[in-house]
Amino acid sequence: MISYPSIDKLLDKVDSRYSLAILAAKRAHQLEAGEFEMIDDYKSSKTVGMALEEIAAGKVVIDPNSDLKEADAEAIDQEEQLENAEREDRSRNLDSDHPDEN
């Protein structure tokens, strides 16, 4: 659970919790990839926390001209979750076919 910045302050900057999660995740990935930092002094040392601080400061916003709408993003997210679940099932099946012989 995050304590800073507050969820209320963050939701003043975006229209939904889902949009906030997507925006923070994308920005955190950018920071991990070496993108420049937009704030001089972060309270968080983790990229997701840094992204949330940037959102609260108004430095990171959702592009209003983006073709990716929330419904599209939700569909993509569901598809990725399904693919991950299928991958995990295949991995579990492989593990059960070849148990460790200890």
PDB file of N, CA and C in Angstrom:
ATOM      1  N   MET A   1       0.841  -1.181   0.000  1.00  0.00           N
ATOM      2  CA  MET A   1       0.000   0.000   0.000  1.00  0.00           C
ATOM      3  C   MET A   1       0.881   1.238   0.000  1.00  0.00           C
ATOM      4  N   ILE A   2       0.522   2.184  -0.837  1.00  0.00           N
ATOM      5  CA  ILE A   2       1.305   3.409  -0.911  1.00  0.00           C
ATOM      6  C   ILE A   2       0.788   4.419   0.108  1.00  0.00           C
ATOM      7  N   SER A   3       1.707   5.178   0.678  1.00  0.00           N
ATOM      8  CA  SER A   3       1.295   6.223   1.602  1.00  0.00           C
ATOM      9  C   SER A   3       1.602   7.603   1.021  1.00  0.00           C
ATOM     10  N   TYR A   4       2.605   7.655   0.136  1.00  0.00           N
ATOM     11  CA  TYR A   4       2.931   8.912  -0.526  1.00  0.00           C
ATOM     12  C   TYR A   4       3.248   8.620  -1.971  1.00  0.00           C
ATOM     13  N   PRO A   5       2.734   9.329  -2.869  1.00  0.00           N
ATOM     14  CA  PRO A   5       1.669  10.326  -2.723  1.00  0.00           C
ATOM     15  C   PRO A   5       0.332   9.662  -2.418  1.00  0.00           C
ATOM     16  N   SER A   6      -0.581  10.442  -1.881  1.00  0.00           N
ATOM     17  CA  SER A   6      -1.874   9.872  -1.486  1.00  0.00           C
ATOM     18  C   SER A   6      -2.678   9.477  -2.719  1.00  0.00           C
ATOM     19  N   ILE A   7      -3.502   8.467  -2.558  1.00  0.00           N
ATOM     20  CA  ILE A   7      -4.336   8.005  -3.668  1.00  0.00           C
ATOM     21  C   ILE A   7      -5.286   9.113  -4.111  1.00  0.00           C
ATOM     22  N   ASP A   8      -5.748   9.937  -3.173  1.00  0.00           N
ATOM     23  CA  ASP A   8      -6.641  11.043  -3.530  1.00  0.00           C
ATOM     24  C   ASP A   8      -5.942  12.037  -4.448  1.00  0.00           C
ATOM     25  N   LYS A   9      -4.700  12.363  -4.128  1.00  0.00           N
ATOM     26  CA  LYS A   9      -3.946  13.298  -4.962  1.00  0.00           C
ATOM     27  C   LYS A   9      -3.704  12.694  -6.347  1.00  0.00           C
ATOM     28  N   LEU A  10      -3.402  11.397  -6.384  1.00  0.00           N
ATOM     29  CA  LEU A  10      -3.162  10.732  -7.660  1.00  0.00           C
ATOM     30  C   LEU A  10      -4.427  10.678  -8.510  1.00  0.00           C
ATOM     31  N   LEU A  11      -5.569  10.398  -7.880  1.00  0.00           N
ATOM     32  CA  LEU A  11      -6.817  10.302  -8.638  1.00  0.00           C
ATOM     33  C   LEU A  11      -7.323  11.662  -9.107  1.00  0.00           C
ATOM     34  N   ASP A  12      -6.773  12.745  -8.563  1.00  0.00           N
ATOM     35  CA  ASP A  12      -7.061  14.075  -9.097  1.00  0.00           C
ATOM     36  C   ASP A  12      -6.393  14.262 -10.456  1.00  0.00           C
ATOM     37  N   LYS A  13      -5.362  13.470 -10.728  1.00  0.00           N
ATOM     38  CA  LYS A  13      -4.570  13.619 -11.954  1.00  0.00           C
ATOM     39  C   LYS A  13      -5.027  12.696 -13.084  1.00  0.00           C
ATOM     40  N   VAL A  14      -5.717  11.609 -12.754  1.00  0.00           N
ATOM     41  CA  VAL A  14      -6.189  10.653 -13.764  1.00  0.00           C
ATOM     42  C   VAL A  14      -7.655  10.328 -13.498  1.00  0.00           C
ATOM     43  N   ASP A  15      -8.311   9.711 -14.478  1.00  0.00           N
ATOM     44  CA  ASP A  15      -9.751   9.497 -14.351  1.00  0.00           C
ATOM     45  C   ASP A  15     -10.159   8.218 -13.633  1.00  0.00           C
ATOM     46  N   SER A  16      -9.231   7.273 -13.438  1.00  0.00           N
ATOM     47  CA  SER A  16      -9.608   6.034 -12.753  1.00  0.00           C
ATOM     48  C   SER A  16      -8.379   5.358 -12.157  1.00  0.00           C
ATOM     49  N   ARG A  17      -8.625   4.442 -11.248  1.00  0.00           N
ATOM     50  CA  ARG A  17      -7.529   3.667 -10.652  1.00  0.00           C
ATOM     51  C   ARG A  17      -6.835   2.828 -11.717  1.00  0.00           C
ATOM     52  N   TYR A  18      -7.623   2.309 -12.661  1.00  0.00           N
ATOM     53  CA  TYR A  18      -7.048   1.494 -13.728  1.00  0.00           C
ATOM     54  C   TYR A  18      -6.091   2.340 -14.574  1.00  0.00           C
ATOM     55  N   SER A  19      -6.516   3.530 -14.956  1.00  0.00           N
ATOM     56  CA  SER A  19      -5.653   4.421 -15.736  1.00  0.00           C
ATOM     57  C   SER A  19      -4.391   4.763 -14.960  1.00  0.00           C
ATOM     58  N   LEU A  20      -4.546   4.971 -13.662  1.00  0.00           N
ATOM     59  CA  LEU A  20      -3.397   5.266 -12.809  1.00  0.00           C
ATOM     60  C   LEU A  20      -2.411   4.104 -12.816  1.00  0.00           C
ATOM     61  N   ALA A  21      -2.924   2.887 -12.681  1.00  0.00           N
ATOM     62  CA  ALA A  21      -2.049   1.707 -12.660  1.00  0.00           C
ATOM     63  C   ALA A  21      -1.305   1.548 -13.981  1.00  0.00           C
ATOM     64  N   ILE A  22      -2.004   1.736 -15.096  1.00  0.00           N
ATOM     65  CA  ILE A  22      -1.376   1.604 -16.413  1.00  0.00           C
ATOM     66  C   ILE A  22      -0.323   2.691 -16.605  1.00  0.00           C
ATOM     67  N   LEU A  23      -0.672   3.931 -16.281  1.00  0.00           N
ATOM     68  CA  LEU A  23       0.259   5.047 -16.445  1.00  0.00           C
ATOM     69  C   LEU A  23       1.501   4.859 -15.578  1.00  0.00           C
ATOM     70  N   ALA A  24       1.306   4.467 -14.328  1.00  0.00           N
ATOM     71  CA  ALA A  24       2.442   4.259 -13.422  1.00  0.00           C
ATOM     72  C   ALA A  24       3.323   3.115 -13.904  1.00  0.00           C
ATOM     73  N   ALA A  25       2.713   2.035 -14.370  1.00  0.00           N
ATOM     74  CA  ALA A  25       3.495   0.889 -14.848  1.00  0.00           C
ATOM     75  C   ALA A  25       4.317   1.257 -16.079  1.00  0.00           C
ATOM     76  N   LYS A  26       3.693   1.971 -17.012  1.00  0.00           N
ATOM     77  CA  LYS A  26       4.428   2.370 -18.223  1.00  0.00           C
ATOM     78  C   LYS A  26       5.588   3.294 -17.874  1.00  0.00           C
ATOM     79  N   ARG A  27       5.333   4.247 -16.998  1.00  0.00           N
ATOM     80  CA  ARG A  27       6.400   5.182 -16.620  1.00  0.00           C
ATOM     81  C   ARG A  27       7.497   4.466 -15.842  1.00  0.00           C
ATOM     82  N   ALA A  28       7.133   3.525 -14.978  1.00  0.00           N
ATOM     83  CA  ALA A  28       8.132   2.757 -14.227  1.00  0.00           C
ATOM     84  C   ALA A  28       9.024   1.968 -15.182  1.00  0.00           C
ATOM     85  N   HIS A  29       8.434   1.380 -16.222  1.00  0.00           N
ATOM     86  CA  HIS A  29       9.231   0.657 -17.222  1.00  0.00           C
ATOM     87  C   HIS A  29      10.198   1.606 -17.928  1.00  0.00           C
ATOM     88  N   GLN A  30       9.735   2.817 -18.221  1.00  0.00           N
ATOM     89  CA  GLN A  30      10.614   3.803 -18.853  1.00  0.00           C
ATOM     90  C   GLN A  30      11.784   4.144 -17.938  1.00  0.00           C
ATOM     91  N   LEU A  31      11.499   4.343 -16.663  1.00  0.00           N
ATOM     92  CA  LEU A  31      12.566   4.661 -15.712  1.00  0.00           C
ATOM     93  C   LEU A  31      13.560   3.510 -15.605  1.00  0.00           C
ATOM     94  N   GLU A  32      13.050   2.272 -15.583  1.00  0.00           N
ATOM     95  CA  GLU A  32      13.932   1.104 -15.523  1.00  0.00           C
ATOM     96  C   GLU A  32      14.817   1.011 -16.760  1.00  0.00           C
ATOM     97  N   ALA A  33      14.294   1.493 -17.891  1.00  0.00           N
ATOM     98  CA  ALA A  33      15.044   1.444 -19.147  1.00  0.00           C
ATOM     99  C   ALA A  33      16.032   2.603 -19.278  1.00  0.00           C
ATOM    100  N   GLY A  34      16.071   3.473 -18.259  1.00  0.00           N
ATOM    101  CA  GLY A  34      17.049   4.550 -18.270  1.00  0.00           C
ATOM    102  C   GLY A  34      16.539   5.902 -18.717  1.00  0.00           C
ATOM    103  N   GLU A  35      15.222   6.039 -18.872  1.00  0.00           N
ATOM    104  CA  GLU A  35      14.662   7.340 -19.241  1.00  0.00           C
ATOM    105  C   GLU A  35      14.993   8.370 -18.157  1.00  0.00           C
ATOM    106  N   PHE A  36      15.039   9.636 -18.557  1.00  0.00           N
ATOM    107  CA  PHE A  36      15.408  10.692 -17.618  1.00  0.00           C
ATOM    108  C   PHE A  36      14.366  10.851 -16.517  1.00  0.00           C
ATOM    109  N   GLU A  37      14.847  11.249 -15.350  1.00  0.00           N
ATOM    110  CA  GLU A  37      13.976  11.482 -14.201  1.00  0.00           C
ATOM    111  C   GLU A  37      13.415  12.898 -14.284  1.00  0.00           C
ATOM    112  N   MET A  38      12.149  13.064 -13.933  1.00  0.00           N
ATOM    113  CA  MET A  38      11.468  14.349 -14.081  1.00  0.00           C
ATOM    114  C   MET A  38      11.407  15.163 -12.803  1.00  0.00           C
ATOM    115  N   ILE A  39      11.821  14.575 -11.691  1.00  0.00           N
ATOM    116  CA  ILE A  39      11.804  15.262 -10.400  1.00  0.00           C
ATOM    117  C   ILE A  39      13.223  15.223  -9.839  1.00  0.00           C
ATOM    118  N   ASP A  40      13.622  16.294  -9.180  1.00  0.00           N
ATOM    119  CA  ASP A  40      14.978  16.350  -8.626  1.00  0.00           C
ATOM    120  C   ASP A  40      15.162  15.468  -7.399  1.00  0.00           C
ATOM    121  N   ASP A  41      14.151  15.411  -6.536  1.00  0.00           N
ATOM    122  CA  ASP A  41      14.300  14.689  -5.269  1.00  0.00           C
ATOM    123  C   ASP A  41      13.114  13.750  -5.055  1.00  0.00           C
ATOM    124  N   TYR A  42      13.339  12.452  -5.252  1.00  0.00           N
ATOM    125  CA  TYR A  42      12.293  11.444  -5.053  1.00  0.00           C
ATOM    126  C   TYR A  42      12.315  10.947  -3.609  1.00  0.00           C
ATOM    127  N   LYS A  43      11.147  10.664  -3.064  1.00  0.00           N
ATOM    128  CA  LYS A  43      11.073  10.039  -1.740  1.00  0.00           C
ATOM    129  C   LYS A  43      11.229   8.532  -1.861  1.00  0.00           C
ATOM    130  N   SER A  44      10.840   7.984  -3.010  1.00  0.00           N
ATOM    131  CA  SER A  44      10.911   6.541  -3.234  1.00  0.00           C
ATOM    132  C   SER A  44      12.174   6.188  -4.007  1.00  0.00           C
ATOM    133  N   SER A  45      12.711   5.017  -3.715  1.00  0.00           N
ATOM    134  CA  SER A  45      13.867   4.531  -4.471  1.00  0.00           C
ATOM    135  C   SER A  45      13.435   3.522  -5.533  1.00  0.00           C
ATOM    136  N   LYS A  46      12.173   3.130  -5.520  1.00  0.00           N
ATOM    137  CA  LYS A  46      11.652   2.156  -6.478  1.00  0.00           C
ATOM    138  C   LYS A  46      10.991   2.886  -7.644  1.00  0.00           C
ATOM    139  N   THR A  47      11.092   2.288  -8.834  1.00  0.00           N
ATOM    140  CA  THR A  47      10.605   2.971 -10.031  1.00  0.00           C
ATOM    141  C   THR A  47       9.094   3.212 -10.013  1.00  0.00           C
ATOM    142  N   VAL A  48       8.317   2.299  -9.463  1.00  0.00           N
ATOM    143  CA  VAL A  48       6.865   2.524  -9.409  1.00  0.00           C
ATOM    144  C   VAL A  48       6.558   3.703  -8.493  1.00  0.00           C
ATOM    145  N   GLY A  49       7.206   3.773  -7.354  1.00  0.00           N
ATOM    146  CA  GLY A  49       7.023   4.905  -6.452  1.00  0.00           C
ATOM    147  C   GLY A  49       7.455   6.213  -7.091  1.00  0.00           C
ATOM    148  N   MET A  50       8.572   6.169  -7.819  1.00  0.00           N
ATOM    149  CA  MET A  50       9.046   7.363  -8.521  1.00  0.00           C
ATOM    150  C   MET A  50       8.022   7.800  -9.570  1.00  0.00           C
ATOM    151  N   ALA A  51       7.464   6.829 -10.297  1.00  0.00           N
ATOM    152  CA  ALA A  51       6.456   7.136 -11.313  1.00  0.00           C
ATOM    153  C   ALA A  51       5.229   7.778 -10.674  1.00  0.00           C
ATOM    154  N   LEU A  52       4.791   7.248  -9.536  1.00  0.00           N
ATOM    155  CA  LEU A  52       3.633   7.819  -8.846  1.00  0.00           C
ATOM    156  C   LEU A  52       3.918   9.240  -8.375  1.00  0.00           C
ATOM    157  N   GLU A  53       5.130   9.489  -7.919  1.00  0.00           N
ATOM    158  CA  GLU A  53       5.497  10.849  -7.507  1.00  0.00           C
ATOM    159  C   GLU A  53       5.452  11.801  -8.701  1.00  0.00           C
ATOM    160  N   GLU A  54       5.925  11.339  -9.856  1.00  0.00           N
ATOM    161  CA  GLU A  54       5.888  12.169 -11.064  1.00  0.00           C
ATOM    162  C   GLU A  54       4.447  12.453 -11.489  1.00  0.00           C
ATOM    163  N   ILE A  55       3.578  11.449 -11.373  1.00  0.00           N
ATOM    164  CA  ILE A  55       2.164  11.638 -11.717  1.00  0.00           C
ATOM    165  C   ILE A  55       1.532  12.656 -10.774  1.00  0.00           C
ATOM    166  N   ALA A  56       1.790  12.528  -9.475  1.00  0.00           N
ATOM    167  CA  ALA A  56       1.231  13.454  -8.486  1.00  0.00           C
ATOM    168  C   ALA A  56       1.710  14.881  -8.733  1.00  0.00           C
ATOM    169  N   ALA A  57       2.944  15.023  -9.211  1.00  0.00           N
ATOM    170  CA  ALA A  57       3.502  16.347  -9.484  1.00  0.00           C
ATOM    171  C   ALA A  57       3.022  16.916 -10.818  1.00  0.00           C
ATOM    172  N   GLY A  58       2.258  16.119 -11.569  1.00  0.00           N
ATOM    173  CA  GLY A  58       1.765  16.590 -12.860  1.00  0.00           C
ATOM    174  C   GLY A  58       2.792  16.516 -13.973  1.00  0.00           C
ATOM    175  N   LYS A  59       3.880  15.800 -13.745  1.00  0.00           N
ATOM    176  CA  LYS A  59       4.946  15.681 -14.746  1.00  0.00           C
ATOM    177  C   LYS A  59       4.638  14.611 -15.790  1.00  0.00           C
ATOM    178  N   VAL A  60       3.813  13.628 -15.422  1.00  0.00           N
ATOM    179  CA  VAL A  60       3.439  12.543 -16.330  1.00  0.00           C
ATOM    180  C   VAL A  60       1.923  12.550 -16.444  1.00  0.00           C
ATOM    181  N   VAL A  61       1.434  12.627 -17.665  1.00  0.00           N
ATOM    182  CA  VAL A  61      -0.011  12.655 -17.896  1.00  0.00           C
ATOM    183  C   VAL A  61      -0.369  11.682 -19.013  1.00  0.00           C
ATOM    184  N   ILE A  62      -1.639  11.332 -19.076  1.00  0.00           N
ATOM    185  CA  ILE A  62      -2.133  10.492 -20.160  1.00  0.00           C
ATOM    186  C   ILE A  62      -2.323  11.370 -21.386  1.00  0.00           C
ATOM    187  N   ASP A  63      -1.827  10.914 -22.516  1.00  0.00           N
ATOM    188  CA  ASP A  63      -1.967  11.642 -23.776  1.00  0.00           C
ATOM    189  C   ASP A  63      -3.434  11.600 -24.209  1.00  0.00           C
ATOM    190  N   PRO A  64      -4.108  12.752 -24.265  1.00  0.00           N
ATOM    191  CA  PRO A  64      -5.525  12.746 -24.639  1.00  0.00           C
ATOM    192  C   PRO A  64      -5.750  12.323 -26.090  1.00  0.00           C
ATOM    193  N   ASN A  65      -4.718  12.380 -26.916  1.00  0.00           N
ATOM    194  CA  ASN A  65      -4.834  11.995 -28.318  1.00  0.00           C
ATOM    195  C   ASN A  65      -4.440  10.547 -28.565  1.00  0.00           C
ATOM    196  N   SER A  66      -4.160   9.821 -27.500  1.00  0.00           N
ATOM    197  CA  SER A  66      -3.741   8.430 -27.629  1.00  0.00           C
ATOM    198  C   SER A  66      -4.851   7.595 -28.254  1.00  0.00           C
ATOM    199  N   ASP A  67      -4.465   6.703 -29.152  1.00  0.00           N
ATOM    200  CA  ASP A  67      -5.430   5.800 -29.774  1.00  0.00           C
ATOM    201  C   ASP A  67      -5.826   4.668 -28.838  1.00  0.00           C
ATOM    202  N   LEU A  68      -5.029   4.437 -27.821  1.00  0.00           N
ATOM    203  CA  LEU A  68      -5.291   3.348 -26.890  1.00  0.00           C
ATOM    204  C   LEU A  68      -6.283   3.824 -25.830  1.00  0.00           C
ATOM    205  N   LYS A  69      -7.497   3.381 -25.940  1.00  0.00           N
ATOM    206  CA  LYS A  69      -8.540   3.742 -24.988  1.00  0.00           C
ATOM    207  C   LYS A  69      -8.539   2.754 -23.828  1.00  0.00           C
ATOM    208  N   GLU A  70      -9.198   3.117 -22.747  1.00  0.00           N
ATOM    209  CA  GLU A  70      -9.200   2.268 -21.554  1.00  0.00           C
ATOM    210  C   GLU A  70      -9.764   0.883 -21.855  1.00  0.00           C
ATOM    211  N   ALA A  71     -10.835   0.796 -22.636  1.00  0.00           N
ATOM    212  CA  ALA A  71     -11.407  -0.519 -22.966  1.00  0.00           C
ATOM    213  C   ALA A  71     -10.401  -1.357 -23.737  1.00  0.00           C
ATOM    214  N   ASP A  72      -9.660  -0.712 -24.653  1.00  0.00           N
ATOM    215  CA  ASP A  72      -8.629  -1.432 -25.401  1.00  0.00           C
ATOM    216  C   ASP A  72      -7.538  -1.913 -24.458  1.00  0.00           C
ATOM    217  N   ALA A  73      -7.143  -1.061 -23.538  1.00  0.00           N
ATOM    218  CA  ALA A  73      -6.089  -1.425 -22.589  1.00  0.00           C
ATOM    219  C   ALA A  73      -6.545  -2.587 -21.710  1.00  0.00           C
ATOM    220  N   GLU A  74      -7.804  -2.573 -21.292  1.00  0.00           N
ATOM    221  CA  GLU A  74      -8.326  -3.673 -20.483  1.00  0.00           C
ATOM    222  C   GLU A  74      -8.324  -4.979 -21.274  1.00  0.00           C
ATOM    223  N   ALA A  75      -8.688  -4.914 -22.555  1.00  0.00           N
ATOM    224  CA  ALA A  75      -8.692  -6.118 -23.392  1.00  0.00           C
ATOM    225  C   ALA A  75      -7.280  -6.663 -23.553  1.00  0.00           C
ATOM    226  N   ILE A  76      -6.324  -5.771 -23.760  1.00  0.00           N
ATOM    227  CA  ILE A  76      -4.925  -6.189 -23.883  1.00  0.00           C
ATOM    228  C   ILE A  76      -4.457  -6.823 -22.580  1.00  0.00           C
ATOM    229  N   ASP A  77      -4.820  -6.213 -21.457  1.00  0.00           N
ATOM    230  CA  ASP A  77      -4.432  -6.742 -20.151  1.00  0.00           C
ATOM    231  C   ASP A  77      -5.019  -8.134 -19.930  1.00  0.00           C
ATOM    232  N   GLN A  78      -6.285  -8.325 -20.277  1.00  0.00           N
ATOM    233  CA  GLN A  78      -6.915  -9.639 -20.117  1.00  0.00           C
ATOM    234  C   GLN A  78      -6.240 -10.677 -21.005  1.00  0.00           C
ATOM    235  N   GLU A  79      -5.896 -10.282 -22.222  1.00  0.00           N
ATOM    236  CA  GLU A  79      -5.215 -11.196 -23.139  1.00  0.00           C
ATOM    237  C   GLU A  79      -3.851 -11.606 -22.585  1.00  0.00           C
ATOM    238  N   GLU A  80      -3.112 -10.644 -22.036  1.00  0.00           N
ATOM    239  CA  GLU A  80      -1.806 -10.946 -21.447  1.00  0.00           C
ATOM    240  C   GLU A  80      -1.953 -11.863 -20.237  1.00  0.00           C
ATOM    241  N   GLN A  81      -2.970 -11.638 -19.422  1.00  0.00           N
ATOM    242  CA  GLN A  81      -3.196 -12.494 -18.257  1.00  0.00           C
ATOM    243  C   GLN A  81      -3.512 -13.918 -18.690  1.00  0.00           C
ATOM    244  N   LEU A  82      -4.311 -14.071 -19.745  1.00  0.00           N
ATOM    245  CA  LEU A  82      -4.642 -15.395 -20.259  1.00  0.00           C
ATOM    246  C   LEU A  82      -3.394 -16.096 -20.782  1.00  0.00           C
ATOM    247  N   GLU A  83      -2.568 -15.361 -21.531  1.00  0.00           N
ATOM    248  CA  GLU A  83      -1.330 -15.941 -22.051  1.00  0.00           C
ATOM    249  C   GLU A  83      -0.410 -16.372 -20.911  1.00  0.00           C
ATOM    250  N   ASN A  84      -0.301 -15.551 -19.880  1.00  0.00           N
ATOM    251  CA  ASN A  84       0.536 -15.898 -18.723  1.00  0.00           C
ATOM    252  C   ASN A  84       0.009 -17.142 -18.016  1.00  0.00           C
ATOM    253  N   ALA A  85      -1.310 -17.238 -17.864  1.00  0.00           N
ATOM    254  CA  ALA A  85      -1.905 -18.407 -17.209  1.00  0.00           C
ATOM    255  C   ALA A  85      -1.653 -19.665 -18.029  1.00  0.00           C
ATOM    256  N   GLU A  86      -1.772 -19.552 -19.349  1.00  0.00           N
ATOM    257  CA  GLU A  86      -1.513 -20.710 -20.212  1.00  0.00           C
ATOM    258  C   GLU A  86      -0.054 -21.136 -20.116  1.00  0.00           C
ATOM    259  N   ARG A  87       0.843 -20.170 -20.068  1.00  0.00           N
ATOM    260  CA  ARG A  87       2.274 -20.471 -19.937  1.00  0.00           C
ATOM    261  C   ARG A  87       2.558 -21.186 -18.621  1.00  0.00           C
ATOM    262  N   GLU A  88       1.949 -20.694 -17.549  1.00  0.00           N
ATOM    263  CA  GLU A  88       2.136 -21.323 -16.233  1.00  0.00           C
ATOM    264  C   GLU A  88       1.592 -22.748 -16.227  1.00  0.00           C
ATOM    265  N   ASP A  89       0.441 -22.960 -16.870  1.00  0.00           N
ATOM    266  CA  ASP A  89      -0.130 -24.312 -16.951  1.00  0.00           C
ATOM    267  C   ASP A  89       0.801 -25.248 -17.705  1.00  0.00           C
ATOM    268  N   ARG A  90       1.346 -24.785 -18.822  1.00  0.00           N
ATOM    269  CA  ARG A  90       2.279 -25.613 -19.595  1.00  0.00           C
ATOM    270  C   ARG A  90       3.510 -25.936 -18.765  1.00  0.00           C
ATOM    271  N   SER A  91       4.000 -24.959 -18.035  1.00  0.00           N
ATOM    272  CA  SER A  91       5.183 -25.166 -17.201  1.00  0.00           C
ATOM    273  C   SER A  91       4.899 -26.186 -16.101  1.00  0.00           C
ATOM    274  N   ARG A  92       3.731 -26.075 -15.469  1.00  0.00           N
ATOM    275  CA  ARG A  92       3.349 -27.032 -14.427  1.00  0.00           C
ATOM    276  C   ARG A  92       3.215 -28.435 -15.002  1.00  0.00           C
ATOM    277  N   ASN A  93       2.641 -28.543 -16.195  1.00  0.00           N
ATOM    278  CA  ASN A  93       2.489 -29.854 -16.830  1.00  0.00           C
ATOM    279  C   ASN A  93       3.840 -30.467 -17.148  1.00  0.00           C
ATOM    280  N   LEU A  94       4.784 -29.655 -17.599  1.00  0.00           N
ATOM    281  CA  LEU A  94       6.128 -30.159 -17.873  1.00  0.00           C
ATOM    282  C   LEU A  94       6.796 -30.623 -16.589  1.00  0.00           C
ATOM    283  N   ASP A  95       6.605 -29.856 -15.522  1.00  0.00           N
ATOM    284  CA  ASP A  95       7.197 -30.222 -14.231  1.00  0.00           C
ATOM    285  C   ASP A  95       6.614 -31.529 -13.706  1.00  0.00           C
ATOM    286  N   SER A  96       5.314 -31.742 -13.889  1.00  0.00           N
ATOM    287  CA  SER A  96       4.700 -32.973 -13.386  1.00  0.00           C
ATOM    288  C   SER A  96       5.069 -34.176 -14.247  1.00  0.00           C
ATOM    289  N   ASP A  97       5.400 -33.942 -15.527  1.00  0.00           N
ATOM    290  CA  ASP A  97       5.836 -35.029 -16.403  1.00  0.00           C
ATOM    291  C   ASP A  97       7.245 -35.487 -16.082  1.00  0.00           C
ATOM    292  N   HIS A  98       8.045 -34.582 -15.506  1.00  0.00           N
ATOM    293  CA  HIS A  98       9.446 -34.878 -15.207  1.00  0.00           C
ATOM    294  C   HIS A  98       9.770 -34.494 -13.769  1.00  0.00           C
ATOM    295  N   PRO A  99       9.228 -35.218 -12.793  1.00  0.00           N
ATOM    296  CA  PRO A  99       9.505 -34.858 -11.388  1.00  0.00           C
ATOM    297  C   PRO A  99      10.979 -35.068 -11.061  1.00  0.00           C
ATOM    298  N   ASP A 100      11.452 -34.268 -10.140  1.00  0.00           N
ATOM    299  CA  ASP A 100      12.846 -34.402  -9.690  1.00  0.00           C
ATOM    300  C   ASP A 100      13.052 -35.766  -9.065  1.00  0.00           C
ATOM    301  N   GLU A 101      14.182 -36.335  -9.341  1.00  0.00           N
ATOM    302  CA  GLU A 101      14.496 -37.652  -8.781  1.00  0.00           C
ATOM    303  C   GLU A 101      15.509 -37.487  -7.665  1.00  0.00           C
ATOM    304  N   ASN A 102      15.034 -37.047  -6.511  1.00  0.00           N
ATOM    305  CA  ASN A 102      15.903 -36.826  -5.348  1.00  0.00           C
ATOM    306  C   ASN A 102      15.738 -37.900  -4.338  1.00  0.00           C
TER     307      ASN A 102
END
